[in-house]
Amino acid sequence: MGHHKLLKWTPVSPDLLAVLKVRVGSDRVVPVAKFRGSTRPVLIAGSKGQISRTLQAAKPFISELRLRGVSVIPLQADAADFTQTLRSLKQEFK
């Protein structure tokens, strides 16, 4: 069994995550808040490898998730990047 590095998670308010910007298609970047009312975004955060493995494991469920209005949004970052991203969002939200 492999070793997993656990990150210390600090609770983040939904309003803070709402300002997180995600790429939609190849040329559009929108805040997560744009999904309100049309879909339920689920953020998958981790390294490129972690996200890849998670999305691969989720493949059998993707069609059903879409039918239920769930959008899976990968958020790629290592521990340092992710911590910095959260700090930046918190500063922007103040």
Protein backbone atom coordinates (compact mmCIF):
# COMPACT_ATOMS: atom_id res chain seq x y z
CA MET A 1 0.00 0.00 0.00
CA GLY A 2 1.34 3.44 -0.92
CA HIS A 3 2.01 6.30 1.44
CA HIS A 4 -0.19 9.34 1.16
CA LYS A 5 0.78 12.79 2.30
CA LEU A 6 -2.11 14.31 4.20
CA LEU A 7 -2.62 18.02 3.99
CA LYS A 8 -3.89 20.04 6.89
CA TRP A 9 -7.20 21.44 5.71
CA THR A 10 -8.50 24.75 6.91
CA PRO A 11 -12.25 25.16 6.50
CA VAL A 12 -13.08 27.62 3.75
CA SER A 13 -16.36 29.47 3.41
CA PRO A 14 -18.50 28.77 0.33
CA ASP A 15 -18.33 32.48 -0.50
CA LEU A 16 -14.56 32.26 -0.67
CA LEU A 17 -14.68 29.27 -3.01
CA ALA A 18 -17.26 31.08 -5.14
CA VAL A 19 -14.62 33.57 -6.31
CA LEU A 20 -12.25 30.77 -7.37
CA LYS A 21 -11.78 31.06 -11.12
CA VAL A 22 -11.97 27.97 -13.34
CA ARG A 23 -11.33 27.43 -17.03
CA VAL A 24 -14.41 26.51 -19.05
CA GLY A 25 -13.44 25.20 -22.45
CA SER A 26 -10.22 26.43 -23.95
CA ASP A 27 -10.75 30.18 -23.86
CA ARG A 28 -13.07 31.15 -21.00
CA VAL A 29 -12.31 31.63 -17.30
CA VAL A 30 -15.22 32.16 -14.91
CA PRO A 31 -15.69 32.22 -11.12
CA VAL A 32 -17.27 29.13 -9.55
CA ALA A 33 -20.19 31.38 -8.54
CA LYS A 34 -21.32 31.36 -12.21
CA PHE A 35 -22.36 27.71 -11.71
CA ARG A 36 -24.99 28.65 -9.10
CA GLY A 37 -28.46 27.61 -10.07
CA SER A 38 -27.35 25.50 -13.05
CA THR A 39 -24.99 22.89 -11.64
CA ARG A 40 -23.41 21.68 -8.44
CA PRO A 41 -19.64 22.04 -8.70
CA VAL A 42 -17.46 19.46 -6.95
CA LEU A 43 -13.81 20.48 -6.59
CA ILE A 44 -11.18 17.75 -6.84
CA ALA A 45 -7.97 19.23 -5.42
CA GLY A 46 -4.51 17.74 -5.43
CA SER A 47 -1.42 17.10 -7.48
CA LYS A 48 -1.66 16.29 -11.18
CA GLY A 49 -1.25 12.59 -10.39
CA GLN A 50 -3.86 12.60 -7.62
CA ILE A 51 -6.38 14.34 -9.84
CA SER A 52 -5.66 12.00 -12.74
CA ARG A 53 -6.20 8.91 -10.55
CA THR A 54 -9.36 10.35 -9.03
CA LEU A 55 -10.88 11.25 -12.40
CA GLN A 56 -9.94 7.82 -13.78
CA ALA A 57 -11.69 6.13 -10.84
CA ALA A 58 -14.75 8.37 -11.37
CA LYS A 59 -15.13 7.57 -15.10
CA PRO A 60 -17.91 5.00 -14.58
CA PHE A 61 -19.96 7.65 -12.74
CA ILE A 62 -19.39 10.75 -14.89
CA SER A 63 -22.49 10.33 -17.08
CA GLU A 64 -24.74 9.85 -14.06
CA LEU A 65 -23.15 12.83 -12.30
CA ARG A 66 -23.81 15.05 -15.33
CA LEU A 67 -27.43 13.88 -15.49
CA ARG A 68 -27.78 14.91 -11.86
CA GLY A 69 -26.29 18.35 -12.53
CA VAL A 70 -22.88 17.76 -10.96
CA SER A 71 -19.76 19.27 -12.54
CA VAL A 72 -16.39 17.91 -11.44
CA ILE A 73 -13.75 20.65 -11.39
CA PRO A 74 -10.08 19.66 -11.03
CA LEU A 75 -7.94 22.06 -8.98
CA GLN A 76 -4.31 21.14 -9.58
CA ALA A 77 -1.74 22.27 -7.03
CA ASP A 78 0.90 20.90 -4.74
CA ALA A 79 0.59 21.58 -1.01
CA ALA A 80 2.48 24.89 -1.15
CA ASP A 81 0.56 26.11 -4.21
CA PHE A 82 -2.79 25.14 -2.71
CA THR A 83 -2.03 26.93 0.55
CA GLN A 84 -0.97 30.03 -1.38
CA THR A 85 -4.10 29.86 -3.54
CA LEU A 86 -6.31 29.79 -0.45
CA ARG A 87 -4.41 32.70 1.11
CA SER A 88 -4.79 34.72 -2.09
CA LEU A 89 -8.52 34.01 -2.24
CA LYS A 90 -8.95 34.99 1.40
CA GLN A 91 -7.15 38.31 0.79
CA GLU A 92 -9.20 38.98 -2.34
CA PHE A 93 -12.44 38.22 -0.52
CA LYS A 94 -11.78 40.61 2.42
